[in-house]
């Protein structure tokens, strides 16, 4: 497994996969990211990140069944691995620690 440090967008994609559970495929991930972040998300960028996360061992993928609606094509579904869960927890711990260091008064000024 390659390094498990997550970039911001990698973390968002990984969180989205975890949230979508059994419905995490590239277009669904892209749509959910747009809904949650209120920003445009390019499918090609999501594909790149999914490939990178799979290379790092943080997600795994499998092909679903062919459907008539997709002209016989199969969707590739993604799921988070135990290493992916660990990477997300580590990232959350770091963020929580940094948030806890901010004095309450200084948050009111931000």
N, C-alpha and C. Protein backbone atom coordinates (compact mmCIF):
# COMPACT_ATOMS: atom_id res chain seq x y z
N UNK A 1 0.85 -1.18 0.00
CA UNK A 1 0.00 0.00 0.00
C UNK A 1 0.89 1.23 0.00
N UNK A 2 0.55 2.18 -0.90
CA UNK A 2 1.27 3.44 -0.95
C UNK A 2 0.89 4.29 0.26
N UNK A 3 1.46 5.51 0.32
CA UNK A 3 1.17 6.43 1.41
C UNK A 3 -0.32 6.68 1.57
N UNK A 4 -0.74 6.89 2.81
CA UNK A 4 -2.16 7.08 3.07
C UNK A 4 -2.50 8.52 3.45
N UNK A 5 -1.58 9.46 3.23
CA UNK A 5 -1.93 10.86 3.45
C UNK A 5 -2.96 11.26 2.41
N UNK A 6 -4.00 11.94 2.87
CA UNK A 6 -5.10 12.31 1.98
C UNK A 6 -5.06 13.78 1.63
N UNK A 7 -5.23 14.09 0.36
CA UNK A 7 -5.47 15.46 -0.05
C UNK A 7 -6.92 15.79 0.25
N UNK A 8 -7.27 17.08 0.19
CA UNK A 8 -8.64 17.49 0.53
C UNK A 8 -9.68 16.80 -0.35
N UNK A 9 -9.48 16.80 -1.65
CA UNK A 9 -10.47 16.21 -2.54
C UNK A 9 -10.51 14.69 -2.40
N UNK A 10 -9.35 14.07 -2.16
CA UNK A 10 -9.32 12.63 -1.92
C UNK A 10 -10.17 12.30 -0.68
N UNK A 11 -10.02 13.12 0.35
CA UNK A 11 -10.79 12.89 1.57
C UNK A 11 -12.29 13.04 1.30
N UNK A 12 -12.67 14.05 0.53
CA UNK A 12 -14.08 14.23 0.20
C UNK A 12 -14.64 13.05 -0.59
N UNK A 13 -13.88 12.56 -1.55
CA UNK A 13 -14.32 11.40 -2.34
C UNK A 13 -14.45 10.17 -1.44
N UNK A 14 -13.47 9.96 -0.58
CA UNK A 14 -13.50 8.81 0.32
C UNK A 14 -14.69 8.89 1.27
N UNK A 15 -14.95 10.07 1.82
CA UNK A 15 -16.11 10.25 2.69
C UNK A 15 -17.41 9.99 1.94
N UNK A 16 -17.47 10.42 0.70
CA UNK A 16 -18.67 10.21 -0.11
C UNK A 16 -18.90 8.73 -0.39
N UNK A 17 -17.83 8.01 -0.68
CA UNK A 17 -17.95 6.56 -0.89
C UNK A 17 -18.48 5.89 0.37
N UNK A 18 -17.94 6.28 1.52
CA UNK A 18 -18.41 5.71 2.78
C UNK A 18 -19.87 6.03 3.03
N UNK A 19 -20.31 7.24 2.67
CA UNK A 19 -21.69 7.66 2.89
C UNK A 19 -22.66 6.96 1.93
N UNK A 20 -22.24 6.73 0.70
CA UNK A 20 -23.12 6.13 -0.30
C UNK A 20 -23.24 4.61 -0.16
N UNK A 21 -22.37 4.02 0.60
CA UNK A 21 -22.35 2.59 0.89
C UNK A 21 -22.38 1.76 -0.39
N UNK A 22 -23.50 1.13 -0.73
CA UNK A 22 -23.57 0.23 -1.88
C UNK A 22 -23.89 0.92 -3.20
N UNK A 23 -24.05 2.23 -3.19
CA UNK A 23 -24.40 2.98 -4.40
C UNK A 23 -23.27 3.92 -4.83
N UNK A 24 -22.05 3.60 -4.44
CA UNK A 24 -20.91 4.47 -4.74
C UNK A 24 -20.28 4.10 -6.09
N UNK A 25 -20.75 4.74 -7.15
CA UNK A 25 -20.15 4.61 -8.47
C UNK A 25 -19.81 6.02 -8.93
N UNK A 26 -18.99 6.16 -9.94
CA UNK A 26 -18.39 7.46 -10.28
C UNK A 26 -19.40 8.59 -10.46
N UNK A 27 -20.45 8.38 -11.24
CA UNK A 27 -21.43 9.45 -11.48
C UNK A 27 -22.17 9.79 -10.18
N UNK A 28 -22.54 8.77 -9.41
CA UNK A 28 -23.21 9.00 -8.13
C UNK A 28 -22.34 9.76 -7.15
N UNK A 29 -21.05 9.42 -7.13
CA UNK A 29 -20.09 10.12 -6.26
C UNK A 29 -19.99 11.58 -6.69
N UNK A 30 -19.88 11.80 -7.99
CA UNK A 30 -19.77 13.15 -8.55
C UNK A 30 -21.02 13.97 -8.19
N UNK A 31 -22.20 13.40 -8.38
CA UNK A 31 -23.45 14.09 -8.08
C UNK A 31 -23.55 14.44 -6.59
N UNK A 32 -23.19 13.50 -5.75
CA UNK A 32 -23.29 13.74 -4.30
C UNK A 32 -22.28 14.80 -3.85
N UNK A 33 -21.09 14.77 -4.42
CA UNK A 33 -20.10 15.81 -4.09
C UNK A 33 -20.60 17.19 -4.49
N UNK A 34 -21.23 17.29 -5.65
CA UNK A 34 -21.77 18.58 -6.09
C UNK A 34 -22.88 19.04 -5.14
N UNK A 35 -23.74 18.11 -4.72
CA UNK A 35 -24.82 18.46 -3.78
C UNK A 35 -24.26 18.95 -2.45
N UNK A 36 -23.28 18.25 -1.94
CA UNK A 36 -22.76 18.55 -0.60
C UNK A 36 -21.83 19.76 -0.57
N UNK A 37 -21.02 19.93 -1.61
CA UNK A 37 -20.03 21.02 -1.60
C UNK A 37 -20.53 22.28 -2.29
N UNK A 38 -21.63 22.15 -3.04
CA UNK A 38 -22.18 23.29 -3.80
C UNK A 38 -21.17 23.85 -4.80
N UNK A 39 -20.35 22.95 -5.36
CA UNK A 39 -19.40 23.37 -6.39
C UNK A 39 -19.39 22.33 -7.50
N UNK A 40 -18.97 22.78 -8.67
CA UNK A 40 -18.92 21.91 -9.84
C UNK A 40 -17.81 20.87 -9.66
N UNK A 41 -18.12 19.63 -9.98
CA UNK A 41 -17.15 18.54 -9.85
C UNK A 41 -17.07 17.84 -11.20
N UNK A 42 -15.88 17.75 -11.75
CA UNK A 42 -15.69 17.11 -13.05
C UNK A 42 -15.52 15.60 -12.87
N UNK A 43 -16.24 14.86 -13.72
CA UNK A 43 -16.21 13.40 -13.65
C UNK A 43 -14.80 12.85 -13.86
N UNK A 44 -14.04 13.46 -14.79
CA UNK A 44 -12.67 13.00 -15.04
C UNK A 44 -11.78 13.12 -13.82
N UNK A 45 -11.99 14.19 -13.04
CA UNK A 45 -11.20 14.38 -11.82
C UNK A 45 -11.58 13.32 -10.79
N UNK A 46 -12.88 13.02 -10.69
CA UNK A 46 -13.33 11.97 -9.76
C UNK A 46 -12.73 10.63 -10.16
N UNK A 47 -12.71 10.32 -11.47
CA UNK A 47 -12.10 9.07 -11.93
C UNK A 47 -10.62 9.00 -11.55
N UNK A 48 -9.92 10.10 -11.72
CA UNK A 48 -8.49 10.14 -11.36
C UNK A 48 -8.29 9.85 -9.87
N UNK A 49 -9.11 10.49 -9.06
CA UNK A 49 -9.00 10.30 -7.61
C UNK A 49 -9.36 8.87 -7.23
N UNK A 50 -10.39 8.32 -7.85
CA UNK A 50 -10.78 6.94 -7.55
C UNK A 50 -9.64 5.97 -7.89
N UNK A 51 -8.98 6.19 -9.04
CA UNK A 51 -7.84 5.35 -9.40
C UNK A 51 -6.72 5.47 -8.38
N UNK A 52 -6.44 6.71 -7.96
CA UNK A 52 -5.37 6.94 -6.98
C UNK A 52 -5.71 6.29 -5.64
N UNK A 53 -6.96 6.43 -5.20
CA UNK A 53 -7.36 5.82 -3.93
C UNK A 53 -7.28 4.30 -4.00
N UNK A 54 -7.60 3.74 -5.16
CA UNK A 54 -7.50 2.29 -5.32
C UNK A 54 -6.03 1.84 -5.31
N UNK A 55 -5.17 2.61 -5.95
CA UNK A 55 -3.73 2.30 -5.94
C UNK A 55 -3.16 2.35 -4.53
N UNK A 56 -3.67 3.26 -3.72
CA UNK A 56 -3.22 3.40 -2.33
C UNK A 56 -3.82 2.32 -1.43
N UNK A 57 -4.78 1.57 -1.95
CA UNK A 57 -5.43 0.52 -1.15
C UNK A 57 -6.50 1.05 -0.22
N UNK A 58 -6.99 2.26 -0.48
CA UNK A 58 -7.99 2.86 0.40
C UNK A 58 -9.42 2.55 -0.05
N UNK A 59 -9.58 2.18 -1.32
CA UNK A 59 -10.88 1.73 -1.82
C UNK A 59 -10.64 0.50 -2.69
N UNK A 60 -11.71 -0.25 -2.89
CA UNK A 60 -11.67 -1.35 -3.85
C UNK A 60 -12.90 -1.20 -4.73
N UNK A 61 -12.84 -1.79 -5.90
CA UNK A 61 -13.96 -1.67 -6.82
C UNK A 61 -14.36 -3.03 -7.36
N UNK A 62 -15.61 -3.08 -7.81
CA UNK A 62 -16.11 -4.28 -8.48
C UNK A 62 -17.15 -3.85 -9.49
N UNK A 63 -17.29 -4.64 -10.54
CA UNK A 63 -18.28 -4.34 -11.57
C UNK A 63 -19.64 -4.87 -11.15
N UNK A 64 -20.67 -4.03 -11.36
CA UNK A 64 -22.04 -4.45 -11.11
C UNK A 64 -22.58 -5.22 -12.30
N UNK A 65 -23.84 -5.53 -12.24
CA UNK A 65 -24.50 -6.27 -13.32
C UNK A 65 -24.77 -5.34 -14.51
N UNK A 66 -24.78 -5.90 -15.70
CA UNK A 66 -25.15 -5.16 -16.90
C UNK A 66 -26.64 -4.85 -16.86
N UNK A 67 -27.00 -3.66 -17.34
CA UNK A 67 -28.41 -3.29 -17.35
C UNK A 67 -28.81 -2.80 -18.73
N UNK A 68 -30.08 -2.99 -19.08
CA UNK A 68 -30.59 -2.50 -20.36
C UNK A 68 -30.54 -0.98 -20.40
N UNK A 69 -30.81 -0.34 -19.27
CA UNK A 69 -30.83 1.12 -19.21
C UNK A 69 -29.47 1.70 -19.60
N UNK A 70 -28.41 0.96 -19.38
CA UNK A 70 -27.06 1.43 -19.72
C UNK A 70 -26.54 0.77 -20.98
N UNK A 71 -27.42 0.22 -21.78
CA UNK A 71 -27.01 -0.40 -23.04
C UNK A 71 -26.13 -1.62 -22.83
N UNK A 72 -26.37 -2.34 -21.75
CA UNK A 72 -25.59 -3.54 -21.45
C UNK A 72 -24.28 -3.27 -20.74
N UNK A 73 -23.98 -1.99 -20.47
CA UNK A 73 -22.74 -1.66 -19.77
C UNK A 73 -22.92 -1.87 -18.26
N UNK A 74 -21.80 -2.14 -17.62
CA UNK A 74 -21.82 -2.38 -16.18
C UNK A 74 -21.22 -1.19 -15.44
N UNK A 75 -21.77 -0.86 -14.28
CA UNK A 75 -21.21 0.20 -13.43
C UNK A 75 -20.10 -0.38 -12.58
N UNK A 76 -19.09 0.44 -12.31
CA UNK A 76 -18.03 0.06 -11.38
C UNK A 76 -18.36 0.68 -10.03
N UNK A 77 -18.57 -0.16 -9.03
CA UNK A 77 -18.92 0.29 -7.68
C UNK A 77 -17.68 0.29 -6.79
N UNK A 78 -17.61 1.28 -5.92
CA UNK A 78 -16.46 1.45 -5.04
C UNK A 78 -16.88 1.27 -3.59
N UNK A 79 -15.99 0.71 -2.81
CA UNK A 79 -16.22 0.59 -1.37
C UNK A 79 -14.92 0.91 -0.65
N UNK A 80 -15.07 1.39 0.55
CA UNK A 80 -13.92 1.78 1.35
C UNK A 80 -13.32 0.54 2.01
N UNK A 81 -12.00 0.47 2.07
CA UNK A 81 -11.31 -0.65 2.71
C UNK A 81 -11.03 -0.29 4.17
N UNK A 82 -10.54 -1.25 4.93
CA UNK A 82 -10.17 -0.95 6.32
C UNK A 82 -9.05 0.10 6.37
N UNK A 83 -8.13 0.06 5.40
CA UNK A 83 -7.08 1.07 5.34
C UNK A 83 -7.68 2.45 5.04
N UNK A 84 -8.73 2.48 4.22
CA UNK A 84 -9.42 3.73 3.93
C UNK A 84 -10.11 4.28 5.16
N UNK A 85 -10.75 3.41 5.93
CA UNK A 85 -11.39 3.83 7.18
C UNK A 85 -10.35 4.40 8.14
N UNK A 86 -9.21 3.74 8.23
CA UNK A 86 -8.13 4.20 9.11
C UNK A 86 -7.62 5.57 8.67
N UNK A 87 -7.46 5.76 7.37
CA UNK A 87 -6.98 7.04 6.85
C UNK A 87 -7.98 8.15 7.16
N UNK A 88 -9.27 7.86 7.01
CA UNK A 88 -10.29 8.86 7.34
C UNK A 88 -10.29 9.20 8.82
N UNK A 89 -10.18 8.18 9.67
CA UNK A 89 -10.15 8.42 11.11
C UNK A 89 -8.93 9.25 11.51
N UNK A 90 -7.78 8.92 10.91
CA UNK A 90 -6.56 9.69 11.20
C UNK A 90 -6.73 11.14 10.79
N UNK A 91 -7.29 11.36 9.62
CA UNK A 91 -7.53 12.71 9.13
C UNK A 91 -8.48 13.47 10.05
N UNK A 92 -9.54 12.80 10.50
CA UNK A 92 -10.50 13.43 11.41
C UNK A 92 -9.84 13.77 12.74
N UNK A 93 -9.02 12.88 13.25
CA UNK A 93 -8.33 13.14 14.52
C UNK A 93 -7.44 14.37 14.43
N UNK A 94 -6.71 14.48 13.33
CA UNK A 94 -5.83 15.64 13.13
C UNK A 94 -6.65 16.92 13.08
N UNK A 95 -7.73 16.90 12.31
CA UNK A 95 -8.59 18.08 12.20
C UNK A 95 -9.22 18.43 13.55
N UNK A 96 -9.72 17.43 14.26
CA UNK A 96 -10.33 17.68 15.57
C UNK A 96 -9.31 18.27 16.55
N UNK A 97 -8.09 17.75 16.50
CA UNK A 97 -7.03 18.26 17.38
C UNK A 97 -6.74 19.72 17.07
N UNK A 98 -6.64 20.05 15.79
CA UNK A 98 -6.39 21.44 15.40
C UNK A 98 -7.55 22.35 15.80
N UNK A 99 -8.78 21.88 15.58
CA UNK A 99 -9.95 22.67 15.98
C UNK A 99 -9.95 22.90 17.49
N UNK A 100 -9.56 21.91 18.26
CA UNK A 100 -9.59 22.04 19.72
C UNK A 100 -8.54 23.02 20.23
N UNK A 101 -7.54 23.32 19.41
CA UNK A 101 -6.49 24.25 19.82
C UNK A 101 -6.89 25.71 19.63
N UNK A 102 -7.96 25.97 18.90
CA UNK A 102 -8.39 27.34 18.62
C UNK A 102 -9.15 27.87 19.83
N UNK A 103 -8.67 28.97 20.40
CA UNK A 103 -9.40 29.56 21.53
C UNK A 103 -10.80 29.99 21.09
N UNK A 104 -11.78 29.83 21.95
CA UNK A 104 -13.17 30.12 21.62
C UNK A 104 -13.35 31.56 21.13
N UNK A 105 -12.68 32.50 21.75
CA UNK A 105 -12.82 33.90 21.35
C UNK A 105 -12.33 34.15 19.93
N UNK A 106 -11.27 33.48 19.53
CA UNK A 106 -10.73 33.73 18.19
C UNK A 106 -11.66 33.17 17.11
N UNK A 107 -12.49 32.18 17.45
CA UNK A 107 -13.45 31.64 16.48
C UNK A 107 -14.51 32.68 16.14
N UNK A 108 -14.85 33.51 17.11
CA UNK A 108 -15.87 34.55 16.85
C UNK A 108 -15.36 35.59 15.87
N UNK A 109 -14.04 35.76 15.77
CA UNK A 109 -13.46 36.74 14.85
C UNK A 109 -13.31 36.20 13.44
N UNK A 110 -13.36 34.87 13.30
CA UNK A 110 -13.15 34.26 11.97
C UNK A 110 -14.38 34.42 11.13
